[in-house]
């Protein structure tokens, strides 16, 4: 019997650039934007490795995904995709994902959208549409299990975006059908969101006067290598979030603000500062003229993204020609 190849090594993921609206023109395909954790699943026979977008080995955190991968009879495959948990409407929800990882792994689904290695051969130079064809073939045995193929549409990305936004989804990802896979952020992958959501770095919190662990968290973003205050968020916390964050804050406590500029005294005297290591995903209405969060709501901690990578995302116009270059 031929011995299966070893699972392929981790590959730095291709990342999408944020734009204001879907690109027009031929050659684009559009996928649903998921609200979950980006994961690479490397599998060969009964051997599986699951890595986050930053290369952390999270195989043990996703036993149901790992078991399902071994049942697919794959040899030397590396799949790029996203793990999600959906609500009763079928809409992926980041808060539900965190709960499912901890206590209900059977509710997790992994949506594969790219194939980087197949039978030990590097597929990244192939056009995306060909890689997706191969991926669909390889996942034919998956059925209705936890590993699924991510479909796409070609043509009117704006109509798809509008439909998904009405249903409560996060947005769409536009990809050049004829492009190879390139690690890093590129213009051949574009993301268009239904609303304002992004990651911020937690730099402190305000104590509660109502007996809760805390009243709000203080956020920051990195600009030119320095942390700048971005406002406070006081809603969206479940009871378990309050307890978990409070424990982490106690371990990360510091006396001085980890910021590059001096805070107004009225703000600084109310805050308790922490080391800038925790990353939170925040939904918000926009930024004020002073670049502070408006109407922020806590979605969850992003344990898959290191704080050093967090920057403010600014949506750019889509490519005028419809090309991803």
C-alpha atoms as a PDB file:
ATOM      1  CA  UNK A   1       0.000   0.000   0.000  1.00  0.00           C
ATOM      2  CA  UNK A   2       1.276   3.450  -0.924  1.00  0.00           C
ATOM      3  CA  UNK A   3       2.029   5.553   2.126  1.00  0.00           C
ATOM      4  CA  UNK A   4       0.138   8.856   2.295  1.00  0.00           C
ATOM      5  CA  UNK A   5       2.139  12.042   1.992  1.00  0.00           C
ATOM      6  CA  UNK A   6       2.623  14.113   5.120  1.00  0.00           C
ATOM      7  CA  UNK A   7       0.140  16.956   5.680  1.00  0.00           C
ATOM      8  CA  UNK A   8       1.411  20.063   3.864  1.00  0.00           C
ATOM      9  CA  UNK A   9       2.971  22.840   5.971  1.00  0.00           C
ATOM     10  CA  UNK A  10       1.179  26.022   6.982  1.00  0.00           C
ATOM     11  CA  UNK A  11       1.005  28.702   4.277  1.00  0.00           C
ATOM     12  CA  UNK A  12       0.527  32.389   5.034  1.00  0.00           C
ATOM     13  CA  UNK A  13      -3.067  33.117   3.981  1.00  0.00           C
ATOM     14  CA  UNK A  14      -4.166  35.396   1.184  1.00  0.00           C
ATOM     15  CA  UNK A  15      -6.075  38.330   2.674  1.00  0.00           C
ATOM     16  CA  UNK A  16      -8.766  40.546   1.196  1.00  0.00           C
ATOM     17  CA  UNK A  17      -8.615  44.323   0.886  1.00  0.00           C
ATOM     18  CA  UNK A  18     -11.608  46.268   2.235  1.00  0.00           C
ATOM     19  CA  UNK A  19     -13.473  48.245  -0.444  1.00  0.00           C
ATOM     20  CA  UNK A  20     -16.648  50.328  -0.459  1.00  0.00           C
ATOM     21  CA  UNK A  21     -18.669  48.316  -2.986  1.00  0.00           C
ATOM     22  CA  UNK A  22     -18.389  45.199  -5.148  1.00  0.00           C
ATOM     23  CA  UNK A  23     -16.226  45.506  -8.270  1.00  0.00           C
ATOM     24  CA  UNK A  24     -17.892  45.485 -11.669  1.00  0.00           C
ATOM     25  CA  UNK A  25     -16.790  43.836 -14.870  1.00  0.00           C
ATOM     26  CA  UNK A  26     -16.043  40.299 -15.950  1.00  0.00           C
ATOM     27  CA  UNK A  27     -13.735  37.864 -14.240  1.00  0.00           C
ATOM     28  CA  UNK A  28     -14.893  38.270 -10.632  1.00  0.00           C
ATOM     29  CA  UNK A  29     -16.565  35.605  -8.541  1.00  0.00           C
ATOM     30  CA  UNK A  30     -18.367  36.384  -5.287  1.00  0.00           C
ATOM     31  CA  UNK A  31     -18.542  34.340  -2.085  1.00  0.00           C
ATOM     32  CA  UNK A  32     -20.369  34.877   1.171  1.00  0.00           C
ATOM     33  CA  UNK A  33     -18.217  36.548   3.836  1.00  0.00           C
ATOM     34  CA  UNK A  34     -18.294  34.364   6.937  1.00  0.00           C
ATOM     35  CA  UNK A  35     -18.318  35.527  10.551  1.00  0.00           C
ATOM     36  CA  UNK A  36     -15.852  33.057  12.030  1.00  0.00           C
ATOM     37  CA  UNK A  37     -12.228  31.984  12.389  1.00  0.00           C
ATOM     38  CA  UNK A  38     -10.038  31.608   9.311  1.00  0.00           C
ATOM     39  CA  UNK A  39      -8.420  28.161   9.410  1.00  0.00           C
ATOM     40  CA  UNK A  40      -6.151  26.045   7.238  1.00  0.00           C
ATOM     41  CA  UNK A  41      -6.823  22.309   7.400  1.00  0.00           C
ATOM     42  CA  UNK A  42      -3.868  20.138   6.351  1.00  0.00           C
ATOM     43  CA  UNK A  43      -4.777  16.477   5.977  1.00  0.00           C
ATOM     44  CA  UNK A  44      -3.185  13.319   4.683  1.00  0.00           C
ATOM     45  CA  UNK A  45      -4.947  10.070   5.445  1.00  0.00           C
ATOM     46  CA  UNK A  46      -5.580   9.978   9.193  1.00  0.00           C
ATOM     47  CA  UNK A  47      -3.140  12.766  10.013  1.00  0.00           C
ATOM     48  CA  UNK A  48      -4.582  16.272  10.394  1.00  0.00           C
ATOM     49  CA  UNK A  49      -3.240  19.684  11.376  1.00  0.00           C
ATOM     50  CA  UNK A  50      -5.431  22.763  11.812  1.00  0.00           C
ATOM     51  CA  UNK A  51      -3.821  26.217  11.908  1.00  0.00           C
ATOM     52  CA  UNK A  52      -5.141  29.730  12.447  1.00  0.00           C
ATOM     53  CA  UNK A  53      -4.392  32.558  10.025  1.00  0.00           C
ATOM     54  CA  UNK A  54      -1.320  33.422  12.112  1.00  0.00           C
ATOM     55  CA  UNK A  55      -0.025  29.840  12.149  1.00  0.00           C
ATOM     56  CA  UNK A  56      -1.150  28.746  15.624  1.00  0.00           C
ATOM     57  CA  UNK A  57      -1.845  25.013  15.875  1.00  0.00           C
ATOM     58  CA  UNK A  58      -5.483  24.689  16.952  1.00  0.00           C
ATOM     59  CA  UNK A  59      -6.010  21.043  16.007  1.00  0.00           C
ATOM     60  CA  UNK A  60      -7.057  20.086  19.537  1.00  0.00           C
ATOM     61  CA  UNK A  61      -9.651  22.875  19.651  1.00  0.00           C
ATOM     62  CA  UNK A  62     -11.568  21.459  16.673  1.00  0.00           C
ATOM     63  CA  UNK A  63     -11.861  17.681  17.176  1.00  0.00           C
ATOM     64  CA  UNK A  64     -15.063  17.348  15.117  1.00  0.00           C
ATOM     65  CA  UNK A  65     -13.466  19.122  12.143  1.00  0.00           C
ATOM     66  CA  UNK A  66     -10.317  17.015  12.458  1.00  0.00           C
ATOM     67  CA  UNK A  67     -12.299  13.755  12.549  1.00  0.00           C
ATOM     68  CA  UNK A  68     -14.378  14.792   9.560  1.00  0.00           C
ATOM     69  CA  UNK A  69     -11.219  15.624   7.604  1.00  0.00           C
ATOM     70  CA  UNK A  70      -9.782  12.145   8.153  1.00  0.00           C
ATOM     71  CA  UNK A  71     -12.953  10.604   6.692  1.00  0.00           C
ATOM     72  CA  UNK A  72     -12.495  12.368   3.338  1.00  0.00           C
ATOM     73  CA  UNK A  73      -9.684  10.098   2.139  1.00  0.00           C
ATOM     74  CA  UNK A  74      -7.448  13.053   1.241  1.00  0.00           C
ATOM     75  CA  UNK A  75      -3.747  12.700   0.522  1.00  0.00           C
ATOM     76  CA  UNK A  76      -1.446  15.690   1.044  1.00  0.00           C
ATOM     77  CA  UNK A  77      -4.233  18.297   0.936  1.00  0.00           C
ATOM     78  CA  UNK A  78      -4.215  21.832   2.347  1.00  0.00           C
ATOM     79  CA  UNK A  79      -7.608  23.549   2.478  1.00  0.00           C
ATOM     80  CA  UNK A  80      -8.162  27.229   3.225  1.00  0.00           C
ATOM     81  CA  UNK A  81     -11.503  28.133   4.765  1.00  0.00           C
ATOM     82  CA  UNK A  82     -13.421  29.394   7.769  1.00  0.00           C
ATOM     83  CA  UNK A  83     -15.036  27.706  10.763  1.00  0.00           C
ATOM     84  CA  UNK A  84     -18.419  29.083  11.833  1.00  0.00           C
ATOM     85  CA  UNK A  85     -21.433  28.460  14.047  1.00  0.00           C
ATOM     86  CA  UNK A  86     -24.834  29.506  12.705  1.00  0.00           C
ATOM     87  CA  UNK A  87     -27.988  30.751  14.389  1.00  0.00           C
ATOM     88  CA  UNK A  88     -31.482  29.375  13.746  1.00  0.00           C
ATOM     89  CA  UNK A  89     -31.657  31.357  10.473  1.00  0.00           C
ATOM     90  CA  UNK A  90     -28.429  29.845   9.199  1.00  0.00           C
ATOM     91  CA  UNK A  91     -26.495  33.091   9.667  1.00  0.00           C
ATOM     92  CA  UNK A  92     -22.954  32.676  11.004  1.00  0.00           C
ATOM     93  CA  UNK A  93     -22.481  34.348  14.390  1.00  0.00           C
ATOM     94  CA  UNK A  94     -19.107  34.995  16.018  1.00  0.00           C
ATOM     95  CA  UNK A  95     -20.519  34.878  19.554  1.00  0.00           C
ATOM     96  CA  UNK A  96     -22.111  31.493  18.904  1.00  0.00           C
ATOM     97  CA  UNK A  97     -18.806  30.290  17.463  1.00  0.00           C
ATOM     98  CA  UNK A  98     -16.969  30.960  20.701  1.00  0.00           C
ATOM     99  CA  UNK A  99     -19.666  29.144  22.694  1.00  0.00           C
ATOM    100  CA  UNK A 100     -19.592  26.173  20.323  1.00  0.00           C
ATOM    101  CA  UNK A 101     -15.807  25.828  20.532  1.00  0.00           C
ATOM    102  CA  UNK A 102     -16.034  25.615  24.317  1.00  0.00           C
ATOM    103  CA  UNK A 103     -19.122  23.478  24.837  1.00  0.00           C
ATOM    104  CA  UNK A 104     -20.885  22.397  21.616  1.00  0.00           C
ATOM    105  CA  UNK A 105     -18.353  21.395  18.923  1.00  0.00           C
ATOM    106  CA  UNK A 106     -21.057  19.488  17.048  1.00  0.00           C
ATOM    107  CA  UNK A 107     -22.499  22.877  16.032  1.00  0.00           C
ATOM    108  CA  UNK A 108     -19.341  23.880  14.155  1.00  0.00           C
ATOM    109  CA  UNK A 109     -19.078  23.894  10.374  1.00  0.00           C
ATOM    110  CA  UNK A 110     -15.938  24.416   8.307  1.00  0.00           C
ATOM    111  CA  UNK A 111     -16.453  26.024   4.888  1.00  0.00           C
ATOM    112  CA  UNK A 112     -13.523  25.365   2.573  1.00  0.00           C
ATOM    113  CA  UNK A 113     -13.075  27.950  -0.178  1.00  0.00           C
ATOM    114  CA  UNK A 114      -9.615  27.218  -1.592  1.00  0.00           C
ATOM    115  CA  UNK A 115      -7.261  24.304  -2.172  1.00  0.00           C
ATOM    116  CA  UNK A 116      -3.564  25.127  -1.809  1.00  0.00           C
ATOM    117  CA  UNK A 117      -2.095  21.609  -1.978  1.00  0.00           C
ATOM    118  CA  UNK A 118      -3.599  18.488  -3.534  1.00  0.00           C
ATOM    119  CA  UNK A 119      -2.000  15.036  -3.282  1.00  0.00           C
ATOM    120  CA  UNK A 120       1.168  16.720  -2.103  1.00  0.00           C
ATOM    121  CA  UNK A 121       1.354  19.028  -5.131  1.00  0.00           C
ATOM    122  CA  UNK A 122       1.376  22.808  -4.708  1.00  0.00           C
ATOM    123  CA  UNK A 123      -1.734  24.179  -6.453  1.00  0.00           C
ATOM    124  CA  UNK A 124      -1.248  27.857  -5.679  1.00  0.00           C
ATOM    125  CA  UNK A 125      -0.123  28.785  -9.199  1.00  0.00           C
ATOM    126  CA  UNK A 126      -3.384  27.501 -10.680  1.00  0.00           C
ATOM    127  CA  UNK A 127      -6.240  29.949 -11.367  1.00  0.00           C
ATOM    128  CA  UNK A 128      -8.702  30.234  -8.493  1.00  0.00           C
ATOM    129  CA  UNK A 129     -11.559  28.783 -10.525  1.00  0.00           C
ATOM    130  CA  UNK A 130      -9.486  25.641 -11.175  1.00  0.00           C
ATOM    131  CA  UNK A 131      -8.481  25.335  -7.505  1.00  0.00           C
ATOM    132  CA  UNK A 132     -12.147  25.572  -6.520  1.00  0.00           C
ATOM    133  CA  UNK A 133     -13.077  22.889  -9.055  1.00  0.00           C
ATOM    134  CA  UNK A 134     -10.512  20.554  -7.516  1.00  0.00           C
ATOM    135  CA  UNK A 135     -11.688  21.409  -4.007  1.00  0.00           C
ATOM    136  CA  UNK A 136     -15.289  20.628  -4.889  1.00  0.00           C
ATOM    137  CA  UNK A 137     -14.220  17.229  -6.199  1.00  0.00           C
ATOM    138  CA  UNK A 138     -12.178  16.482  -3.082  1.00  0.00           C
ATOM    139  CA  UNK A 139     -15.073  17.403  -0.779  1.00  0.00           C
ATOM    140  CA  UNK A 140     -17.643  15.336  -2.691  1.00  0.00           C
ATOM    141  CA  UNK A 141     -17.631  12.743   0.106  1.00  0.00           C
ATOM    142  CA  UNK A 142     -18.290  15.339   2.798  1.00  0.00           C
ATOM    143  CA  UNK A 143     -22.072  15.231   2.325  1.00  0.00           C
ATOM    144  CA  UNK A 144     -23.893  17.150   5.058  1.00  0.00           C
ATOM    145  CA  UNK A 145     -21.053  16.775   7.533  1.00  0.00           C
ATOM    146  CA  UNK A 146     -19.163  19.573   9.281  1.00  0.00           C
ATOM    147  CA  UNK A 147     -16.822  20.187   6.314  1.00  0.00           C
ATOM    148  CA  UNK A 148     -18.484  21.885   3.359  1.00  0.00           C
ATOM    149  CA  UNK A 149     -17.607  23.466   0.037  1.00  0.00           C
ATOM    150  CA  UNK A 150     -18.087  27.234  -0.344  1.00  0.00           C
ATOM    151  CA  UNK A 151     -20.064  28.025  -3.459  1.00  0.00           C
ATOM    152  CA  UNK A 152     -19.874  31.264  -5.421  1.00  0.00           C
ATOM    153  CA  UNK A 153     -21.742  33.340  -7.964  1.00  0.00           C
ATOM    154  CA  UNK A 154     -20.442  35.174 -11.002  1.00  0.00           C
ATOM    155  CA  UNK A 155     -21.928  38.406 -12.295  1.00  0.00           C
ATOM    156  CA  UNK A 156     -23.848  40.860 -10.112  1.00  0.00           C
ATOM    157  CA  UNK A 157     -21.960  41.145  -6.832  1.00  0.00           C
ATOM    158  CA  UNK A 158     -24.035  44.149  -5.750  1.00  0.00           C
ATOM    159  CA  UNK A 159     -27.259  42.127  -5.887  1.00  0.00           C
ATOM    160  CA  UNK A 160     -25.693  39.338  -3.828  1.00  0.00           C
ATOM    161  CA  UNK A 161     -24.402  41.829  -1.265  1.00  0.00           C
ATOM    162  CA  UNK A 162     -27.827  43.461  -0.916  1.00  0.00           C
ATOM    163  CA  UNK A 163     -29.525  40.092  -0.452  1.00  0.00           C
ATOM    164  CA  UNK A 164     -27.021  38.914   2.159  1.00  0.00           C
ATOM    165  CA  UNK A 165     -27.185  42.183   4.088  1.00  0.00           C
ATOM    166  CA  UNK A 166     -30.986  41.953   4.268  1.00  0.00           C
ATOM    167  CA  UNK A 167     -30.648  38.481   5.792  1.00  0.00           C
ATOM    168  CA  UNK A 168     -28.128  39.576   8.418  1.00  0.00           C
ATOM    169  CA  UNK A 169     -24.932  38.199   6.907  1.00  0.00           C
ATOM    170  CA  UNK A 170     -21.606  40.031   7.178  1.00  0.00           C
ATOM    171  CA  UNK A 171     -20.950  40.768   3.498  1.00  0.00           C
ATOM    172  CA  UNK A 172     -19.253  39.317   0.430  1.00  0.00           C
ATOM    173  CA  UNK A 173     -15.742  38.560  -0.776  1.00  0.00           C
ATOM    174  CA  UNK A 174     -14.919  39.245  -4.432  1.00  0.00           C
ATOM    175  CA  UNK A 175     -12.111  37.229  -6.008  1.00  0.00           C
ATOM    176  CA  UNK A 176     -10.452  37.245  -9.418  1.00  0.00           C
ATOM    177  CA  UNK A 177     -11.316  33.900 -10.973  1.00  0.00           C
ATOM    178  CA  UNK A 178      -8.102  33.685 -13.015  1.00  0.00           C
ATOM    179  CA  UNK A 179      -5.584  34.615 -10.313  1.00  0.00           C
ATOM    180  CA  UNK A 180      -3.097  32.390  -8.457  1.00  0.00           C
ATOM    181  CA  UNK A 181      -3.022  32.222  -4.661  1.00  0.00           C
ATOM    182  CA  UNK A 182      -0.759  34.867  -3.123  1.00  0.00           C
ATOM    183  CA  UNK A 183      -0.032  35.084   0.595  1.00  0.00           C
ATOM    184  CA  UNK A 184      -0.653  38.508   2.119  1.00  0.00           C
ATOM    185  CA  UNK A 185      -3.186  41.236   1.372  1.00  0.00           C
ATOM    186  CA  UNK A 186      -3.861  41.666  -2.330  1.00  0.00           C
ATOM    187  CA  UNK A 187      -6.258  43.454  -4.663  1.00  0.00           C
ATOM    188  CA  UNK A 188      -7.327  40.225  -6.336  1.00  0.00           C
ATOM    189  CA  UNK A 189      -9.366  39.468  -3.203  1.00  0.00           C
ATOM    190  CA  UNK A 190     -11.710  42.237  -2.025  1.00  0.00           C
ATOM    191  CA  UNK A 191     -14.125  42.277   0.906  1.00  0.00           C
ATOM    192  CA  UNK A 192     -17.284  44.358   1.136  1.00  0.00           C
ATOM    193  CA  UNK A 193     -19.044  44.535   4.499  1.00  0.00           C
ATOM    194  CA  UNK A 194     -22.694  45.151   5.318  1.00  0.00           C
ATOM    195  CA  UNK A 195     -21.739  47.417   8.228  1.00  0.00           C
ATOM    196  CA  UNK A 196     -18.807  48.689  10.276  1.00  0.00           C
ATOM    197  CA  UNK A 197     -16.940  45.883  12.032  1.00  0.00           C
ATOM    198  CA  UNK A 198     -13.277  45.490  12.791  1.00  0.00           C
ATOM    199  CA  UNK A 199     -10.766  44.497  15.437  1.00  0.00           C
ATOM    200  CA  UNK A 200      -9.425  46.825  18.131  1.00  0.00           C
ATOM    201  CA  UNK A 201      -6.816  46.382  20.860  1.00  0.00           C
ATOM    202  CA  UNK A 202      -8.055  46.488  24.465  1.00  0.00           C
ATOM    203  CA  UNK A 203      -5.909  48.875  26.526  1.00  0.00           C
ATOM    204  CA  UNK A 204      -8.049  49.274  29.645  1.00  0.00           C
ATOM    205  CA  UNK A 205     -11.485  49.303  31.234  1.00  0.00           C
ATOM    206  CA  UNK A 206     -13.698  51.478  33.427  1.00  0.00           C
ATOM    207  CA  UNK A 207     -14.836  50.032  36.776  1.00  0.00           C
ATOM    208  CA  UNK A 208     -18.563  49.540  37.251  1.00  0.00           C
ATOM    209  CA  UNK A 209     -20.610  51.407  39.833  1.00  0.00           C
ATOM    210  CA  UNK A 210     -23.409  48.832  39.596  1.00  0.00           C
ATOM    211  CA  UNK A 211     -21.622  45.753  40.882  1.00  0.00           C
ATOM    212  CA  UNK A 212     -20.585  44.389  37.483  1.00  0.00           C
ATOM    213  CA  UNK A 213     -16.967  43.332  36.786  1.00  0.00           C
ATOM    214  CA  UNK A 214     -16.519  46.469  34.645  1.00  0.00           C
ATOM    215  CA  UNK A 215     -18.606  49.085  32.835  1.00  0.00           C
ATOM    216  CA  UNK A 216     -16.760  49.430  29.524  1.00  0.00           C
ATOM    217  CA  UNK A 217     -13.517  48.590  27.746  1.00  0.00           C
ATOM    218  CA  UNK A 218     -11.061  51.095  26.291  1.00  0.00           C
ATOM    219  CA  UNK A 219      -9.974  50.495  22.710  1.00  0.00           C
ATOM    220  CA  UNK A 220      -6.927  51.489  20.665  1.00  0.00           C
ATOM    221  CA  UNK A 221      -5.554  51.132  17.148  1.00  0.00           C
ATOM    222  CA  UNK A 222      -1.989  51.143  15.908  1.00  0.00           C
ATOM    223  CA  UNK A 223      -0.924  54.093  13.742  1.00  0.00           C
ATOM    224  CA  UNK A 224       2.613  54.294  12.382  1.00  0.00           C
ATOM    225  CA  UNK A 225       3.687  51.751  14.968  1.00  0.00           C
ATOM    226  CA  UNK A 226       2.113  53.581  17.925  1.00  0.00           C
ATOM    227  CA  UNK A 227      -1.081  52.919  19.860  1.00  0.00           C
ATOM    228  CA  UNK A 228      -3.750  55.620  19.753  1.00  0.00           C
ATOM    229  CA  UNK A 229      -6.882  55.702  21.895  1.00  0.00           C
ATOM    230  CA  UNK A 230     -10.043  54.884  19.909  1.00  0.00           C
ATOM    231  CA  UNK A 231     -12.804  55.233  22.507  1.00  0.00           C
ATOM    232  CA  UNK A 232     -14.807  52.989  24.837  1.00  0.00           C
ATOM    233  CA  UNK A 233     -17.334  50.211  24.298  1.00  0.00           C
ATOM    234  CA  UNK A 234     -19.896  49.362  26.974  1.00  0.00           C
ATOM    235  CA  UNK A 235     -22.481  47.102  25.318  1.00  0.00           C
ATOM    236  CA  UNK A 236     -22.693  43.616  23.850  1.00  0.00           C
ATOM    237  CA  UNK A 237     -21.191  41.744  26.815  1.00  0.00           C
ATOM    238  CA  UNK A 238     -22.765  38.478  27.948  1.00  0.00           C
ATOM    239  CA  UNK A 239     -22.297  37.481  31.585  1.00  0.00           C
ATOM    240  CA  UNK A 240     -19.607  34.989  30.636  1.00  0.00           C
ATOM    241  CA  UNK A 241     -17.780  37.728  28.696  1.00  0.00           C
ATOM    242  CA  UNK A 242     -17.751  39.970  31.754  1.00  0.00           C
ATOM    243  CA  UNK A 243     -16.326  37.224  33.942  1.00  0.00           C
ATOM    244  CA  UNK A 244     -13.720  36.006  31.456  1.00  0.00           C
ATOM    245  CA  UNK A 245     -12.499  39.484  30.543  1.00  0.00           C
ATOM    246  CA  UNK A 246     -12.308  40.512  34.192  1.00  0.00           C
ATOM    247  CA  UNK A 247      -9.998  37.566  34.928  1.00  0.00           C
ATOM    248  CA  UNK A 248      -7.775  38.445  31.990  1.00  0.00           C
ATOM    249  CA  UNK A 249      -7.650  42.115  32.952  1.00  0.00           C
ATOM    250  CA  UNK A 250      -6.432  41.179  36.434  1.00  0.00           C
ATOM    251  CA  UNK A 251      -3.507  39.244  34.927  1.00  0.00           C
ATOM    252  CA  UNK A 252      -2.619  42.029  32.469  1.00  0.00           C
ATOM    253  CA  UNK A 253      -2.983  45.021  34.801  1.00  0.00           C
ATOM    254  CA  UNK A 254      -0.518  47.903  34.476  1.00  0.00           C
ATOM    255  CA  UNK A 255      -0.317  51.334  36.104  1.00  0.00           C
ATOM    256  CA  UNK A 256       0.370  53.518  33.074  1.00  0.00           C
ATOM    257  CA  UNK A 257      -1.513  53.818  29.764  1.00  0.00           C
ATOM    258  CA  UNK A 258       0.135  51.852  26.912  1.00  0.00           C
ATOM    259  CA  UNK A 259      -0.582  54.692  24.499  1.00  0.00           C
ATOM    260  CA  UNK A 260       1.586  57.009  22.429  1.00  0.00           C
ATOM    261  CA  UNK A 261      -0.198  60.177  23.548  1.00  0.00           C
ATOM    262  CA  UNK A 262      -1.555  61.624  26.769  1.00  0.00           C
ATOM    263  CA  UNK A 263      -5.229  61.029  27.425  1.00  0.00           C
ATOM    264  CA  UNK A 264      -7.530  63.850  28.564  1.00  0.00           C
ATOM    265  CA  UNK A 265      -7.553  63.858  32.350  1.00  0.00           C
ATOM    266  CA  UNK A 266     -11.306  63.247  32.548  1.00  0.00           C
ATOM    267  CA  UNK A 267     -10.875  60.004  30.609  1.00  0.00           C
ATOM    268  CA  UNK A 268      -7.598  58.840  32.130  1.00  0.00           C
ATOM    269  CA  UNK A 269      -8.737  59.098  35.741  1.00  0.00           C
ATOM    270  CA  UNK A 270     -11.639  56.718  35.111  1.00  0.00           C
ATOM    271  CA  UNK A 271      -9.636  54.023  33.335  1.00  0.00           C
ATOM    272  CA  UNK A 272      -7.738  51.027  34.675  1.00  0.00           C
ATOM    273  CA  UNK A 273      -5.060  50.055  32.167  1.00  0.00           C
ATOM    274  CA  UNK A 274      -3.984  46.636  30.869  1.00  0.00           C
ATOM    275  CA  UNK A 275      -1.183  45.354  28.665  1.00  0.00           C
ATOM    276  CA  UNK A 276      -2.224  45.710  24.992  1.00  0.00           C
ATOM    277  CA  UNK A 277      -2.456  42.007  24.181  1.00  0.00           C
ATOM    278  CA  UNK A 278      -6.175  41.305  23.825  1.00  0.00           C
ATOM    279  CA  UNK A 279      -7.963  41.853  20.510  1.00  0.00           C
ATOM    280  CA  UNK A 280     -11.717  42.479  20.434  1.00  0.00           C
ATOM    281  CA  UNK A 281     -14.018  42.507  17.438  1.00  0.00           C
ATOM    282  CA  UNK A 282     -16.360  45.498  17.596  1.00  0.00           C
ATOM    283  CA  UNK A 283     -19.475  46.422  15.604  1.00  0.00           C
ATOM    284  CA  UNK A 284     -19.945  50.180  15.443  1.00  0.00           C
ATOM    285  CA  UNK A 285     -21.747  52.995  13.629  1.00  0.00           C
ATOM    286  CA  UNK A 286     -18.558  54.712  12.451  1.00  0.00           C
ATOM    287  CA  UNK A 287     -15.888  57.064  13.762  1.00  0.00           C
ATOM    288  CA  UNK A 288     -16.262  60.593  15.130  1.00  0.00           C
ATOM    289  CA  UNK A 289     -14.206  63.479  13.726  1.00  0.00           C
ATOM    290  CA  UNK A 290     -11.732  62.714  16.523  1.00  0.00           C
ATOM    291  CA  UNK A 291     -11.423  59.104  15.303  1.00  0.00           C
ATOM    292  CA  UNK A 292     -13.325  57.626  18.251  1.00  0.00           C
ATOM    293  CA  UNK A 293     -15.763  54.716  17.984  1.00  0.00           C
ATOM    294  CA  UNK A 294     -19.448  55.633  17.705  1.00  0.00           C
ATOM    295  CA  UNK A 295     -22.062  53.290  19.196  1.00  0.00           C
ATOM    296  CA  UNK A 296     -19.697  50.378  19.657  1.00  0.00           C
ATOM    297  CA  UNK A 297     -20.872  46.874  20.537  1.00  0.00           C
ATOM    298  CA  UNK A 298     -18.619  44.021  21.700  1.00  0.00           C
ATOM    299  CA  UNK A 299     -18.781  40.938  19.458  1.00  0.00           C
ATOM    300  CA  UNK A 300     -16.045  38.773  20.958  1.00  0.00           C
ATOM    301  CA  UNK A 301     -12.329  38.257  21.518  1.00  0.00           C
ATOM    302  CA  UNK A 302     -10.187  37.428  18.473  1.00  0.00           C
ATOM    303  CA  UNK A 303      -7.756  34.864  19.788  1.00  0.00           C
ATOM    304  CA  UNK A 304      -6.620  34.063  16.253  1.00  0.00           C
ATOM    305  CA  UNK A 305      -5.217  37.547  15.577  1.00  0.00           C
ATOM    306  CA  UNK A 306      -2.181  38.957  17.438  1.00  0.00           C
ATOM    307  CA  UNK A 307      -2.452  42.550  18.653  1.00  0.00           C
ATOM    308  CA  UNK A 308       0.649  43.595  16.703  1.00  0.00           C
ATOM    309  CA  UNK A 309      -1.244  43.074  13.416  1.00  0.00           C
ATOM    310  CA  UNK A 310      -4.276  45.223  14.226  1.00  0.00           C
ATOM    311  CA  UNK A 311      -4.653  48.402  12.157  1.00  0.00           C
ATOM    312  CA  UNK A 312      -7.594  50.602  11.243  1.00  0.00           C
ATOM    313  CA  UNK A 313      -9.309  49.352   8.102  1.00  0.00           C
ATOM    314  CA  UNK A 314     -10.353  52.045   5.643  1.00  0.00           C
ATOM    315  CA  UNK A 315     -12.562  51.050   2.723  1.00  0.00           C
ATOM    316  CA  UNK A 316     -11.147  52.029  -0.666  1.00  0.00           C
ATOM    317  CA  UNK A 317     -13.032  52.401  -3.956  1.00  0.00           C
ATOM    318  CA  UNK A 318     -13.155  49.157  -5.961  1.00  0.00           C
ATOM    319  CA  UNK A 319     -10.774  48.809  -8.925  1.00  0.00           C
ATOM    320  CA  UNK A 320     -12.085  51.001 -11.758  1.00  0.00           C
ATOM    321  CA  UNK A 321     -11.257  48.517 -14.486  1.00  0.00           C
ATOM    322  CA  UNK A 322     -12.643  45.514 -12.666  1.00  0.00           C
ATOM    323  CA  UNK A 323      -9.183  43.994 -12.637  1.00  0.00           C
ATOM    324  CA  UNK A 324      -7.574  43.024  -9.341  1.00  0.00           C
ATOM    325  CA  UNK A 325      -4.244  44.681 -10.106  1.00  0.00           C
END
